[in-house]
PDB file of N, CA and C in Angstrom:
ATOM      1  N   MET A   1     -27.475  25.199  16.685  1.00  0.00           N
ATOM      2  CA  MET A   1     -27.598  25.059  18.105  1.00  0.00           C
ATOM      3  C   MET A   1     -25.916  25.450  18.919  1.00  0.00           C
ATOM      4  N   ASP A   2     -25.037  24.851  18.393  1.00  0.00           N
ATOM      5  CA  ASP A   2     -23.864  25.156  19.048  1.00  0.00           C
ATOM      6  C   ASP A   2     -23.303  26.793  18.795  1.00  0.00           C
ATOM      7  N   ARG A   3     -23.668  26.935  17.576  1.00  0.00           N
ATOM      8  CA  ARG A   3     -23.568  28.493  17.316  1.00  0.00           C
ATOM      9  C   ARG A   3     -24.134  29.378  18.042  1.00  0.00           C
ATOM     10  N   ALA A   4     -25.110  29.444  18.708  1.00  0.00           N
ATOM     11  CA  ALA A   4     -25.953  30.000  19.815  1.00  0.00           C
ATOM     12  C   ALA A   4     -25.230  30.074  21.191  1.00  0.00           C
ATOM     13  N   LYS A   5     -24.864  28.506  21.201  1.00  0.00           N
ATOM     14  CA  LYS A   5     -23.860  27.945  22.713  1.00  0.00           C
ATOM     15  C   LYS A   5     -22.746  29.331  22.839  1.00  0.00           C
ATOM     16  N   ASN A   6     -22.363  28.861  21.711  1.00  0.00           N
ATOM     17  CA  ASN A   6     -20.820  29.560  21.917  1.00  0.00           C
ATOM     18  C   ASN A   6     -21.140  31.045  21.586  1.00  0.00           C
ATOM     19  N   VAL A   7     -22.013  31.781  21.508  1.00  0.00           N
ATOM     20  CA  VAL A   7     -22.476  33.002  21.380  1.00  0.00           C
ATOM     21  C   VAL A   7     -22.530  33.370  22.760  1.00  0.00           C
ATOM     22  N   ILE A   8     -23.624  32.826  23.421  1.00  0.00           N
ATOM     23  CA  ILE A   8     -24.300  33.355  24.750  1.00  0.00           C
ATOM     24  C   ILE A   8     -23.487  33.050  25.798  1.00  0.00           C
ATOM     25  N   THR A   9     -22.349  31.749  25.901  1.00  0.00           N
ATOM     26  CA  THR A   9     -21.244  31.465  26.593  1.00  0.00           C
ATOM     27  C   THR A   9     -20.010  31.987  26.424  1.00  0.00           C
ATOM     28  N   SER A  10     -19.868  33.000  25.705  1.00  0.00           N
ATOM     29  CA  SER A  10     -18.555  33.713  25.129  1.00  0.00           C
ATOM     30  C   SER A  10     -17.545  34.057  26.470  1.00  0.00           C
ATOM     31  N   GLY A  11     -16.488  33.492  26.887  1.00  0.00           N
ATOM     32  CA  GLY A  11     -15.906  34.350  27.817  1.00  0.00           C
ATOM     33  C   GLY A  11     -16.120  33.690  29.181  1.00  0.00           C
ATOM     34  N   ASN A  12     -17.303  32.496  29.211  1.00  0.00           N
ATOM     35  CA  ASN A  12     -17.586  32.148  30.949  1.00  0.00           C
ATOM     36  C   ASN A  12     -17.662  30.589  30.522  1.00  0.00           C
ATOM     37  N   ASP A  13     -16.512  30.009  31.031  1.00  0.00           N
ATOM     38  CA  ASP A  13     -16.551  28.511  31.006  1.00  0.00           C
ATOM     39  C   ASP A  13     -17.653  28.083  32.290  1.00  0.00           C
ATOM     40  N   ASP A  14     -18.053  28.922  33.206  1.00  0.00           N
ATOM     41  CA  ASP A  14     -18.937  28.018  34.026  1.00  0.00           C
ATOM     42  C   ASP A  14     -20.684  27.798  33.300  1.00  0.00           C
ATOM     43  N   LEU A  15     -20.429  29.130  32.909  1.00  0.00           N
ATOM     44  CA  LEU A  15     -21.968  29.221  32.211  1.00  0.00           C
ATOM     45  C   LEU A  15     -22.057  28.162  30.917  1.00  0.00           C
ATOM     46  N   LYS A  16     -20.590  28.014  30.230  1.00  0.00           N
ATOM     47  CA  LYS A  16     -20.341  27.157  29.165  1.00  0.00           C
ATOM     48  C   LYS A  16     -20.887  25.827  29.534  1.00  0.00           C
ATOM     49  N   ALA A  17     -20.310  25.086  30.603  1.00  0.00           N
ATOM     50  CA  ALA A  17     -20.482  23.839  31.346  1.00  0.00           C
ATOM     51  C   ALA A  17     -22.068  23.723  31.886  1.00  0.00           C
ATOM     52  N   LEU A  18     -22.441  24.350  32.429  1.00  0.00           N
ATOM     53  CA  LEU A  18     -23.889  24.474  32.730  1.00  0.00           C
ATOM     54  C   LEU A  18     -24.901  24.403  31.338  1.00  0.00           C
ATOM     55  N   THR A  19     -24.510  24.855  30.373  1.00  0.00           N
ATOM     56  CA  THR A  19     -25.215  25.144  29.291  1.00  0.00           C
ATOM     57  C   THR A  19     -25.012  23.589  28.865  1.00  0.00           C
ATOM     58  N   GLU A  20     -23.919  23.030  28.678  1.00  0.00           N
ATOM     59  CA  GLU A  20     -23.986  21.769  27.748  1.00  0.00           C
ATOM     60  C   GLU A  20     -24.025  20.420  28.683  1.00  0.00           C
ATOM     61  N   ALA A  21     -24.312  20.763  29.805  1.00  0.00           N
ATOM     62  CA  ALA A  21     -24.935  19.697  30.765  1.00  0.00           C
ATOM     63  C   ALA A  21     -26.749  19.988  30.638  1.00  0.00           C
ATOM     64  N   SER A  22     -27.200  21.223  30.155  1.00  0.00           N
ATOM     65  CA  SER A  22     -28.516  21.126  30.262  1.00  0.00           C
ATOM     66  C   SER A  22     -28.810  20.891  28.834  1.00  0.00           C
ATOM     67  N   LEU A  23     -27.878  21.159  27.782  1.00  0.00           N
ATOM     68  CA  LEU A  23     -28.333  20.353  26.306  1.00  0.00           C
ATOM     69  C   LEU A  23     -28.496  19.069  26.768  1.00  0.00           C
ATOM     70  N   ALA A  24     -27.775  18.136  27.330  1.00  0.00           N
ATOM     71  CA  ALA A  24     -27.643  16.501  27.264  1.00  0.00           C
ATOM     72  C   ALA A  24     -29.406  16.450  27.705  1.00  0.00           C
ATOM     73  N   ASP A  25     -30.151  17.165  28.077  1.00  0.00           N
ATOM     74  CA  ASP A  25     -31.691  17.084  28.686  1.00  0.00           C
ATOM     75  C   ASP A  25     -32.675  18.011  27.804  1.00  0.00           C
ATOM     76  N   SER A  26     -31.890  18.600  26.454  1.00  0.00           N
ATOM     77  CA  SER A  26     -32.825  19.284  25.738  1.00  0.00           C
ATOM     78  C   SER A  26     -32.334  19.408  23.999  1.00  0.00           C
ATOM     79  N   GLY A  27     -33.159  19.719  23.055  1.00  0.00           N
ATOM     80  CA  GLY A  27     -32.995  19.613  22.072  1.00  0.00           C
ATOM     81  C   GLY A  27     -34.258  20.196  21.145  1.00  0.00           C
ATOM     82  N   PRO A  28     -33.732  20.407  19.830  1.00  0.00           N
ATOM     83  CA  PRO A  28     -34.351  20.654  18.872  1.00  0.00           C
ATOM     84  C   PRO A  28     -35.776  20.047  18.385  1.00  0.00           C
ATOM     85  N   ILE A  29     -37.071  20.642  17.977  1.00  0.00           N
ATOM     86  CA  ILE A  29     -38.217  19.977  17.464  1.00  0.00           C
ATOM     87  C   ILE A  29     -38.518  20.341  15.982  1.00  0.00           C
ATOM     88  N   PHE A  30     -38.558  21.593  15.933  1.00  0.00           N
ATOM     89  CA  PHE A  30     -38.612  22.529  14.728  1.00  0.00           C
ATOM     90  C   PHE A  30     -37.747  23.466  14.325  1.00  0.00           C
ATOM     91  N   ALA A  31     -37.530  23.941  13.258  1.00  0.00           N
ATOM     92  CA  ALA A  31     -37.250  25.266  13.189  1.00  0.00           C
ATOM     93  C   ALA A  31     -37.739  25.315  11.882  1.00  0.00           C
ATOM     94  N   PHE A  32     -38.416  26.710  11.527  1.00  0.00           N
ATOM     95  CA  PHE A  32     -39.162  27.480  10.525  1.00  0.00           C
ATOM     96  C   PHE A  32     -38.725  28.976  10.189  1.00  0.00           C
ATOM     97  N   PHE A  33     -38.033  29.203   9.323  1.00  0.00           N
ATOM     98  CA  PHE A  33     -37.316  30.267   8.839  1.00  0.00           C
ATOM     99  C   PHE A  33     -38.100  31.182   7.932  1.00  0.00           C
ATOM    100  N   GLN A  34     -37.943  32.406   7.477  1.00  0.00           N
ATOM    101  CA  GLN A  34     -38.461  33.516   6.532  1.00  0.00           C
ATOM    102  C   GLN A  34     -38.268  33.131   5.223  1.00  0.00           C
ATOM    103  N   HIS A  35     -36.695  33.315   5.490  1.00  0.00           N
ATOM    104  CA  HIS A  35     -35.599  32.727   4.426  1.00  0.00           C
ATOM    105  C   HIS A  35     -34.895  31.412   4.460  1.00  0.00           C
ATOM    106  N   ALA A  36     -34.279  31.079   3.464  1.00  0.00           N
ATOM    107  CA  ALA A  36     -33.472  29.849   3.927  1.00  0.00           C
ATOM    108  C   ALA A  36     -32.382  30.140   4.761  1.00  0.00           C
ATOM    109  N   PRO A  37     -31.554  29.207   5.594  1.00  0.00           N
ATOM    110  CA  PRO A  37     -30.731  29.414   6.392  1.00  0.00           C
ATOM    111  C   PRO A  37     -29.464  29.915   5.628  1.00  0.00           C
ATOM    112  N   GLY A  38     -28.937  31.150   5.905  1.00  0.00           N
ATOM    113  CA  GLY A  38     -27.793  31.538   5.280  1.00  0.00           C
ATOM    114  C   GLY A  38     -27.836  32.643   4.067  1.00  0.00           C
ATOM    115  N   SER A  39     -29.333  33.134   3.855  1.00  0.00           N
ATOM    116  CA  SER A  39     -29.801  33.786   2.656  1.00  0.00           C
ATOM    117  C   SER A  39     -29.197  35.413   2.968  1.00  0.00           C
ATOM    118  N   ALA A  40     -28.775  36.003   1.618  1.00  0.00           N
ATOM    119  CA  ALA A  40     -27.858  37.449   2.139  1.00  0.00           C
ATOM    120  C   ALA A  40     -29.238  38.479   2.341  1.00  0.00           C
ATOM    121  N   VAL A  41     -29.868  38.267   3.449  1.00  0.00           N
ATOM    122  CA  VAL A  41     -30.861  38.942   4.099  1.00  0.00           C
ATOM    123  C   VAL A  41     -30.714  40.063   5.213  1.00  0.00           C
ATOM    124  N   GLU A  42     -31.008  41.346   5.461  1.00  0.00           N
ATOM    125  CA  GLU A  42     -30.559  42.016   6.571  1.00  0.00           C
ATOM    126  C   GLU A  42     -31.269  40.978   8.130  1.00  0.00           C
ATOM    127  N   SER A  43     -32.353  40.359   7.911  1.00  0.00           N
ATOM    128  CA  SER A  43     -32.864  39.679   9.129  1.00  0.00           C
ATOM    129  C   SER A  43     -33.620  38.182   8.516  1.00  0.00           C
ATOM    130  N   ASN A  44     -33.871  37.210   9.115  1.00  0.00           N
ATOM    131  CA  ASN A  44     -34.585  36.401   8.831  1.00  0.00           C
ATOM    132  C   ASN A  44     -35.174  35.709  10.136  1.00  0.00           C
ATOM    133  N   PRO A  45     -36.572  36.385  10.117  1.00  0.00           N
ATOM    134  CA  PRO A  45     -37.404  35.873  11.280  1.00  0.00           C
ATOM    135  C   PRO A  45     -37.400  34.552  11.268  1.00  0.00           C
ATOM    136  N   SER A  46     -37.608  33.821  12.466  1.00  0.00           N
ATOM    137  CA  SER A  46     -37.801  32.139  13.149  1.00  0.00           C
ATOM    138  C   SER A  46     -38.869  31.899  14.230  1.00  0.00           C
ATOM    139  N   VAL A  47     -39.294  30.704  14.129  1.00  0.00           N
ATOM    140  CA  VAL A  47     -39.934  30.169  14.931  1.00  0.00           C
ATOM    141  C   VAL A  47     -39.071  29.046  15.223  1.00  0.00           C
ATOM    142  N   LEU A  48     -39.021  28.556  16.518  1.00  0.00           N
ATOM    143  CA  LEU A  48     -37.826  27.543  16.742  1.00  0.00           C
ATOM    144  C   LEU A  48     -38.558  26.951  17.666  1.00  0.00           C
ATOM    145  N   GLY A  49     -38.818  25.476  17.673  1.00  0.00           N
ATOM    146  CA  GLY A  49     -39.457  24.557  18.897  1.00  0.00           C
ATOM    147  C   GLY A  49     -38.446  23.571  19.881  1.00  0.00           C
ATOM    148  N   VAL A  50     -38.085  23.505  20.875  1.00  0.00           N
ATOM    149  CA  VAL A  50     -37.077  22.960  21.467  1.00  0.00           C
ATOM    150  C   VAL A  50     -37.971  22.299  22.661  1.00  0.00           C
ATOM    151  N   TYR A  51     -37.131  21.185  22.939  1.00  0.00           N
ATOM    152  CA  TYR A  51     -37.671  20.896  24.253  1.00  0.00           C
ATOM    153  C   TYR A  51     -36.795  20.750  25.084  1.00  0.00           C
ATOM    154  N   GLU A  52     -36.902  20.630  26.787  1.00  0.00           N
ATOM    155  CA  GLU A  52     -36.055  20.698  27.754  1.00  0.00           C
ATOM    156  C   GLU A  52     -36.515  19.604  28.666  1.00  0.00           C
ATOM    157  N   ASN A  53     -36.119  18.677  29.345  1.00  0.00           N
ATOM    158  CA  ASN A  53     -36.647  17.567  30.482  1.00  0.00           C
ATOM    159  C   ASN A  53     -36.272  18.333  31.925  1.00  0.00           C
ATOM    160  N   VAL A  54     -37.316  18.840  32.510  1.00  0.00           N
ATOM    161  CA  VAL A  54     -36.979  19.920  33.811  1.00  0.00           C
ATOM    162  C   VAL A  54     -37.299  18.646  34.882  1.00  0.00           C
ATOM    163  N   LYS A  55     -37.349  17.604  34.734  1.00  0.00           N
ATOM    164  CA  LYS A  55     -37.888  16.397  35.738  1.00  0.00           C
ATOM    165  C   LYS A  55     -36.426  17.065  36.862  1.00  0.00           C
ATOM    166  N   ALA A  56     -35.501  17.189  36.961  1.00  0.00           N
ATOM    167  CA  ALA A  56     -34.673  17.239  37.660  1.00  0.00           C
ATOM    168  C   ALA A  56     -34.707  18.544  38.448  1.00  0.00           C
ATOM    169  N   ALA A  57     -35.223  19.404  38.157  1.00  0.00           N
ATOM    170  CA  ALA A  57     -35.825  20.711  38.750  1.00  0.00           C
ATOM    171  C   ALA A  57     -37.192  20.683  39.158  1.00  0.00           C
ATOM    172  N   PRO A  58     -37.425  19.836  40.710  1.00  0.00           N
ATOM    173  CA  PRO A  58     -39.119  20.026  40.990  1.00  0.00           C
ATOM    174  C   PRO A  58     -39.553  21.050  41.234  1.00  0.00           C
ATOM    175  N   GLY A  59     -38.815  22.310  41.609  1.00  0.00           N
ATOM    176  CA  GLY A  59     -39.233  23.778  41.851  1.00  0.00           C
ATOM    177  C   GLY A  59     -40.044  24.103  40.714  1.00  0.00           C
ATOM    178  N   ILE A  60     -39.658  23.738  39.315  1.00  0.00           N
ATOM    179  CA  ILE A  60     -40.233  24.504  38.338  1.00  0.00           C
ATOM    180  C   ILE A  60     -41.721  24.106  37.746  1.00  0.00           C
ATOM    181  N   ARG A  61     -42.761  24.367  38.092  1.00  0.00           N
ATOM    182  CA  ARG A  61     -44.025  23.814  37.807  1.00  0.00           C
ATOM    183  C   ARG A  61     -45.071  24.479  37.048  1.00  0.00           C
ATOM    184  N   THR A  62     -44.325  25.311  36.565  1.00  0.00           N
ATOM    185  CA  THR A  62     -45.224  26.807  35.574  1.00  0.00           C
ATOM    186  C   THR A  62     -44.074  27.454  34.773  1.00  0.00           C
ATOM    187  N   GLY A  63     -44.480  28.139  33.495  1.00  0.00           N
ATOM    188  CA  GLY A  63     -43.745  28.774  32.809  1.00  0.00           C
ATOM    189  C   GLY A  63     -42.734  29.656  33.254  1.00  0.00           C
ATOM    190  N   GLU A  64     -43.378  30.368  34.460  1.00  0.00           N
ATOM    191  CA  GLU A  64     -42.856  31.561  34.990  1.00  0.00           C
ATOM    192  C   GLU A  64     -41.617  31.385  35.830  1.00  0.00           C
ATOM    193  N   ASP A  65     -41.816  30.268  36.505  1.00  0.00           N
ATOM    194  CA  ASP A  65     -40.688  29.297  37.385  1.00  0.00           C
ATOM    195  C   ASP A  65     -39.765  28.833  36.387  1.00  0.00           C
ATOM    196  N   TYR A  66     -40.074  28.654  35.520  1.00  0.00           N
ATOM    197  CA  TYR A  66     -38.904  28.256  34.196  1.00  0.00           C
ATOM    198  C   TYR A  66     -38.118  29.632  33.964  1.00  0.00           C
ATOM    199  N   PHE A  67     -38.903  30.612  33.810  1.00  0.00           N
ATOM    200  CA  PHE A  67     -38.315  31.986  33.105  1.00  0.00           C
ATOM    201  C   PHE A  67     -37.434  32.629  34.101  1.00  0.00           C
ATOM    202  N   PHE A  68     -37.732  32.371  35.305  1.00  0.00           N
ATOM    203  CA  PHE A  68     -36.900  33.048  36.417  1.00  0.00           C
ATOM    204  C   PHE A  68     -35.819  32.320  36.413  1.00  0.00           C
ATOM    205  N   GLN A  69     -35.700  31.067  36.282  1.00  0.00           N
ATOM    206  CA  GLN A  69     -34.147  30.015  36.645  1.00  0.00           C
ATOM    207  C   GLN A  69     -33.501  30.642  35.054  1.00  0.00           C
ATOM    208  N   VAL A  70     -34.324  30.978  33.907  1.00  0.00           N
ATOM    209  CA  VAL A  70     -33.614  31.439  32.374  1.00  0.00           C
ATOM    210  C   VAL A  70     -33.093  32.982  32.602  1.00  0.00           C
ATOM    211  N   LYS A  71     -33.797  33.767  33.530  1.00  0.00           N
ATOM    212  CA  LYS A  71     -33.420  34.871  33.540  1.00  0.00           C
ATOM    213  C   LYS A  71     -32.183  35.094  34.367  1.00  0.00           C
ATOM    214  N   LYS A  72     -31.705  33.975  35.011  1.00  0.00           N
ATOM    215  CA  LYS A  72     -31.078  34.273  36.181  1.00  0.00           C
ATOM    216  C   LYS A  72     -29.561  33.723  35.355  1.00  0.00           C
ATOM    217  N   MET A  73     -29.659  32.719  34.440  1.00  0.00           N
ATOM    218  CA  MET A  73     -28.884  31.953  33.632  1.00  0.00           C
ATOM    219  C   MET A  73     -28.226  32.945  32.430  1.00  0.00           C
ATOM    220  N   MET A  74     -29.374  33.617  32.047  1.00  0.00           N
ATOM    221  CA  MET A  74     -28.893  34.638  30.715  1.00  0.00           C
ATOM    222  C   MET A  74     -28.722  35.674  31.602  1.00  0.00           C
ATOM    223  N   ALA A  75     -28.504  36.394  32.468  1.00  0.00           N
ATOM    224  CA  ALA A  75     -27.704  37.310  33.592  1.00  0.00           C
ATOM    225  C   ALA A  75     -26.229  37.251  33.089  1.00  0.00           C
ATOM    226  N   GLN A  76     -25.802  36.103  33.097  1.00  0.00           N
ATOM    227  CA  GLN A  76     -24.518  35.676  33.106  1.00  0.00           C
ATOM    228  C   GLN A  76     -24.115  35.593  31.337  1.00  0.00           C
ATOM    229  N   ALA A  77     -24.989  35.593  30.611  1.00  0.00           N
ATOM    230  CA  ALA A  77     -24.214  35.492  29.047  1.00  0.00           C
ATOM    231  C   ALA A  77     -23.995  36.536  28.627  1.00  0.00           C
ATOM    232  N   SER A  78     -23.356  36.481  27.463  1.00  0.00           N
ATOM    233  CA  SER A  78     -22.606  37.694  26.928  1.00  0.00           C
ATOM    234  C   SER A  78     -23.607  37.116  25.371  1.00  0.00           C
ATOM    235  N   PRO A  79     -24.025  37.994  24.569  1.00  0.00           N
ATOM    236  CA  PRO A  79     -24.491  39.216  25.208  1.00  0.00           C
ATOM    237  C   PRO A  79     -25.980  39.385  25.838  1.00  0.00           C
ATOM    238  N   GLN A  80     -25.768  40.391  26.476  1.00  0.00           N
ATOM    239  CA  GLN A  80     -26.995  40.747  27.663  1.00  0.00           C
ATOM    240  C   GLN A  80     -28.122  40.981  27.304  1.00  0.00           C
ATOM    241  N   TYR A  81     -29.448  40.724  27.804  1.00  0.00           N
ATOM    242  CA  TYR A  81     -30.734  40.936  27.197  1.00  0.00           C
ATOM    243  C   TYR A  81     -31.730  41.781  28.193  1.00  0.00           C
ATOM    244  N   GLU A  82     -32.413  42.659  27.342  1.00  0.00           N
ATOM    245  CA  GLU A  82     -33.260  43.258  28.139  1.00  0.00           C
ATOM    246  C   GLU A  82     -34.776  42.911  28.234  1.00  0.00           C
ATOM    247  N   TYR A  83     -35.664  42.717  28.773  1.00  0.00           N
ATOM    248  CA  TYR A  83     -36.877  42.265  29.341  1.00  0.00           C
ATOM    249  C   TYR A  83     -38.074  43.090  29.129  1.00  0.00           C
ATOM    250  N   LEU A  84     -38.921  43.097  28.377  1.00  0.00           N
ATOM    251  CA  LEU A  84     -40.024  43.856  27.541  1.00  0.00           C
ATOM    252  C   LEU A  84     -41.397  43.720  28.489  1.00  0.00           C
ATOM    253  N   GLY A  85     -41.354  44.164  29.865  1.00  0.00           N
ATOM    254  CA  GLY A  85     -42.712  44.225  30.276  1.00  0.00           C
ATOM    255  C   GLY A  85     -42.919  42.807  31.075  1.00  0.00           C
ATOM    256  N   ASP A  86     -43.778  42.540  31.858  1.00  0.00           N
ATOM    257  CA  ASP A  86     -44.216  41.218  32.610  1.00  0.00           C
ATOM    258  C   ASP A  86     -44.369  40.019  31.725  1.00  0.00           C
ATOM    259  N   TYR A  87     -44.503  38.748  32.317  1.00  0.00           N
ATOM    260  CA  TYR A  87     -44.808  37.615  31.843  1.00  0.00           C
ATOM    261  C   TYR A  87     -46.135  37.734  31.388  1.00  0.00           C
ATOM    262  N   LYS A  88     -46.687  36.786  30.455  1.00  0.00           N
ATOM    263  CA  LYS A  88     -48.180  37.161  29.985  1.00  0.00           C
ATOM    264  C   LYS A  88     -48.481  35.476  29.724  1.00  0.00           C
ATOM    265  N   THR A  89     -49.605  35.536  29.883  1.00  0.00           N
ATOM    266  CA  THR A  89     -50.352  33.931  29.280  1.00  0.00           C
ATOM    267  C   THR A  89     -51.378  34.171  28.050  1.00  0.00           C
ATOM    268  N   ARG A  90     -50.989  33.571  27.366  1.00  0.00           N
ATOM    269  CA  ARG A  90     -51.874  33.232  26.195  1.00  0.00           C
ATOM    270  C   ARG A  90     -51.954  31.601  25.837  1.00  0.00           C
ATOM    271  N   LYS A  91     -53.206  31.521  24.756  1.00  0.00           N
ATOM    272  CA  LYS A  91     -53.620  30.114  24.750  1.00  0.00           C
ATOM    273  C   LYS A  91     -53.286  29.967  23.055  1.00  0.00           C
ATOM    274  N   ILE A  92     -52.641  28.539  22.652  1.00  0.00           N
ATOM    275  CA  ILE A  92     -52.377  28.354  21.493  1.00  0.00           C
ATOM    276  C   ILE A  92     -52.751  27.103  21.748  1.00  0.00           C
ATOM    277  N   GLY A  93     -53.464  26.982  20.480  1.00  0.00           N
ATOM    278  CA  GLY A  93     -54.529  25.844  20.078  1.00  0.00           C
ATOM    279  C   GLY A  93     -54.982  24.949  21.113  1.00  0.00           C
ATOM    280  N   GLY A  94     -55.462  25.834  22.090  1.00  0.00           N
ATOM    281  CA  GLY A  94     -56.387  25.277  23.498  1.00  0.00           C
ATOM    282  C   GLY A  94     -55.290  25.279  24.500  1.00  0.00           C
ATOM    283  N   GLN A  95     -54.202  25.450  24.202  1.00  0.00           N
ATOM    284  CA  GLN A  95     -53.194  24.618  25.440  1.00  0.00           C
ATOM    285  C   GLN A  95     -52.829  26.572  25.863  1.00  0.00           C
ATOM    286  N   GLY A  96     -52.494  26.452  27.224  1.00  0.00           N
ATOM    287  CA  GLY A  96     -52.133  27.317  28.203  1.00  0.00           C
ATOM    288  C   GLY A  96     -50.500  27.718  27.790  1.00  0.00           C
ATOM    289  N   PHE A  97     -49.897  28.587  27.775  1.00  0.00           N
ATOM    290  CA  PHE A  97     -48.581  28.634  27.506  1.00  0.00           C
ATOM    291  C   PHE A  97     -48.158  30.020  28.492  1.00  0.00           C
ATOM    292  N   SER A  98     -47.151  30.570  28.810  1.00  0.00           N
ATOM    293  CA  SER A  98     -46.475  31.554  29.417  1.00  0.00           C
ATOM    294  C   SER A  98     -45.509  32.332  28.411  1.00  0.00           C
ATOM    295  N   GLN A  99     -45.476  33.863  28.339  1.00  0.00           N
ATOM    296  CA  GLN A  99     -44.817  34.423  27.197  1.00  0.00           C
ATOM    297  C   GLN A  99     -43.940  35.159  28.168  1.00  0.00           C
ATOM    298  N   MET A 100     -42.426  35.590  27.789  1.00  0.00           N
ATOM    299  CA  MET A 100     -41.638  36.455  28.143  1.00  0.00           C
ATOM    300  C   MET A 100     -41.106  37.282  27.069  1.00  0.00           C
ATOM    301  N   ASP A 101     -41.034  38.637  26.689  1.00  0.00           N
ATOM    302  CA  ASP A 101     -40.619  39.135  25.939  1.00  0.00           C
ATOM    303  C   ASP A 101     -39.419  39.715  26.015  1.00  0.00           C
ATOM    304  N   LEU A 102     -38.385  39.526  24.906  1.00  0.00           N
ATOM    305  CA  LEU A 102     -37.197  40.131  25.571  1.00  0.00           C
ATOM    306  C   LEU A 102     -36.300  40.662  24.054  1.00  0.00           C
ATOM    307  N   ARG A 103     -35.426  41.455  24.365  1.00  0.00           N
ATOM    308  CA  ARG A 103     -34.515  41.746  23.389  1.00  0.00           C
ATOM    309  C   ARG A 103     -32.996  41.969  23.769  1.00  0.00           C
ATOM    310  N   MET A 104     -31.926  41.533  22.672  1.00  0.00           N
ATOM    311  CA  MET A 104     -30.442  41.291  23.011  1.00  0.00           C
ATOM    312  C   MET A 104     -30.330  42.824  22.668  1.00  0.00           C
ATOM    313  N   THR A 105     -29.834  43.243  23.970  1.00  0.00           N
ATOM    314  CA  THR A 105     -29.492  44.923  24.122  1.00  0.00           C
ATOM    315  C   THR A 105     -28.795  45.484  22.926  1.00  0.00           C
ATOM    316  N   GLY A 106     -29.082  46.569  22.423  1.00  0.00           N
ATOM    317  CA  GLY A 106     -28.180  47.179  21.114  1.00  0.00           C
ATOM    318  C   GLY A 106     -28.787  46.451  20.235  1.00  0.00           C
ATOM    319  N   ALA A 107     -29.941  45.466  19.973  1.00  0.00           N
ATOM    320  CA  ALA A 107     -30.694  44.851  18.825  1.00  0.00           C
ATOM    321  C   ALA A 107     -31.714  45.177  18.302  1.00  0.00           C
ATOM    322  N   ALA A 108     -32.453  45.401  17.480  1.00  0.00           N
ATOM    323  CA  ALA A 108     -33.466  45.912  16.849  1.00  0.00           C
ATOM    324  C   ALA A 108     -34.705  44.796  16.642  1.00  0.00           C
ATOM    325  N   GLN A 109     -34.129  43.476  16.793  1.00  0.00           N
ATOM    326  CA  GLN A 109     -35.119  42.636  16.754  1.00  0.00           C
ATOM    327  C   GLN A 109     -35.543  41.956  18.264  1.00  0.00           C
ATOM    328  N   ARG A 110     -36.824  41.698  18.135  1.00  0.00           N
ATOM    329  CA  ARG A 110     -36.966  41.315  19.505  1.00  0.00           C
ATOM    330  C   ARG A 110     -37.614  40.035  19.615  1.00  0.00           C
ATOM    331  N   SER A 111     -37.538  39.351  20.777  1.00  0.00           N
ATOM    332  CA  SER A 111     -37.629  37.879  21.028  1.00  0.00           C
ATOM    333  C   SER A 111     -38.895  37.546  21.869  1.00  0.00           C
ATOM    334  N   SER A 112     -40.014  36.580  21.444  1.00  0.00           N
ATOM    335  CA  SER A 112     -41.016  36.091  22.648  1.00  0.00           C
ATOM    336  C   SER A 112     -40.473  34.672  22.902  1.00  0.00           C
ATOM    337  N   ARG A 113     -40.333  34.322  23.821  1.00  0.00           N
ATOM    338  CA  ARG A 113     -40.541  32.776  24.566  1.00  0.00           C
ATOM    339  C   ARG A 113     -41.446  32.539  25.072  1.00  0.00           C
ATOM    340  N   VAL A 114     -42.179  31.514  24.499  1.00  0.00           N
ATOM    341  CA  VAL A 114     -43.651  31.331  24.907  1.00  0.00           C
ATOM    342  C   VAL A 114     -43.329  29.753  25.136  1.00  0.00           C
ATOM    343  N   ILE A 115     -43.926  29.226  26.796  1.00  0.00           N
ATOM    344  CA  ILE A 115     -43.485  28.005  27.192  1.00  0.00           C
ATOM    345  C   ILE A 115     -44.796  27.380  27.990  1.00  0.00           C
ATOM    346  N   THR A 116     -44.563  25.873  27.824  1.00  0.00           N
ATOM    347  CA  THR A 116     -45.611  25.404  28.880  1.00  0.00           C
ATOM    348  C   THR A 116     -45.098  24.445  29.369  1.00  0.00           C
ATOM    349  N   ARG A 117     -45.456  23.483  30.016  1.00  0.00           N
ATOM    350  CA  ARG A 117     -44.987  22.361  30.716  1.00  0.00           C
ATOM    351  C   ARG A 117     -44.672  21.283  29.950  1.00  0.00           C
ATOM    352  N   ARG A 118     -45.299  21.114  28.508  1.00  0.00           N
ATOM    353  CA  ARG A 118     -44.973  20.382  27.770  1.00  0.00           C
ATOM    354  C   ARG A 118     -44.179  20.186  26.365  1.00  0.00           C
ATOM    355  N   ALA A 119     -44.019  21.990  26.310  1.00  0.00           N
ATOM    356  CA  ALA A 119     -43.667  22.227  24.913  1.00  0.00           C
ATOM    357  C   ALA A 119     -43.014  23.739  25.089  1.00  0.00           C
ATOM    358  N   THR A 120     -41.737  23.837  24.572  1.00  0.00           N
ATOM    359  CA  THR A 120     -41.685  25.335  24.485  1.00  0.00           C
ATOM    360  C   THR A 120     -41.465  25.689  23.033  1.00  0.00           C
ATOM    361  N   VAL A 121     -41.519  27.105  22.888  1.00  0.00           N
ATOM    362  CA  VAL A 121     -41.741  27.735  21.109  1.00  0.00           C
ATOM    363  C   VAL A 121     -40.731  28.982  21.169  1.00  0.00           C
ATOM    364  N   THR A 122     -39.776  29.056  20.730  1.00  0.00           N
ATOM    365  CA  THR A 122     -38.465  30.343  20.643  1.00  0.00           C
ATOM    366  C   THR A 122     -39.238  30.991  19.235  1.00  0.00           C
ATOM    367  N   THR A 123     -39.361  32.445  19.226  1.00  0.00           N
ATOM    368  CA  THR A 123     -39.718  33.209  18.125  1.00  0.00           C
ATOM    369  C   THR A 123     -38.445  34.104  18.106  1.00  0.00           C
ATOM    370  N   TRP A 124     -37.595  34.616  17.195  1.00  0.00           N
ATOM    371  CA  TRP A 124     -37.016  35.745  17.275  1.00  0.00           C
ATOM    372  C   TRP A 124     -37.541  36.791  16.307  1.00  0.00           C
TER     373      TRP A 124
END
């Protein structure tokens, strides 16, 4: 988590402070990798589950509300991201989720962020 924070906030002290404050109310739930972390492979697809307490942001009522705020924050991040299409809605285990697909600019791998009011799952 610290490595990702350092890459995303590189050179932006305000974003780093904001990220550190938000991490006080968030954290990992699980992480699954195709290969053991650190393996000598070109790519290591993964699924990460994280939580974030958004009670301090009463305007966030849906996944789309959350993604709107995430996109504003990520616009300040390094590296930059490109968004692949509009938000989608999907069901996982009967629970409704919102989905946002993105790719780090210049990277081949794409990412899907899937969120519900109770849980967030990020896949790379």
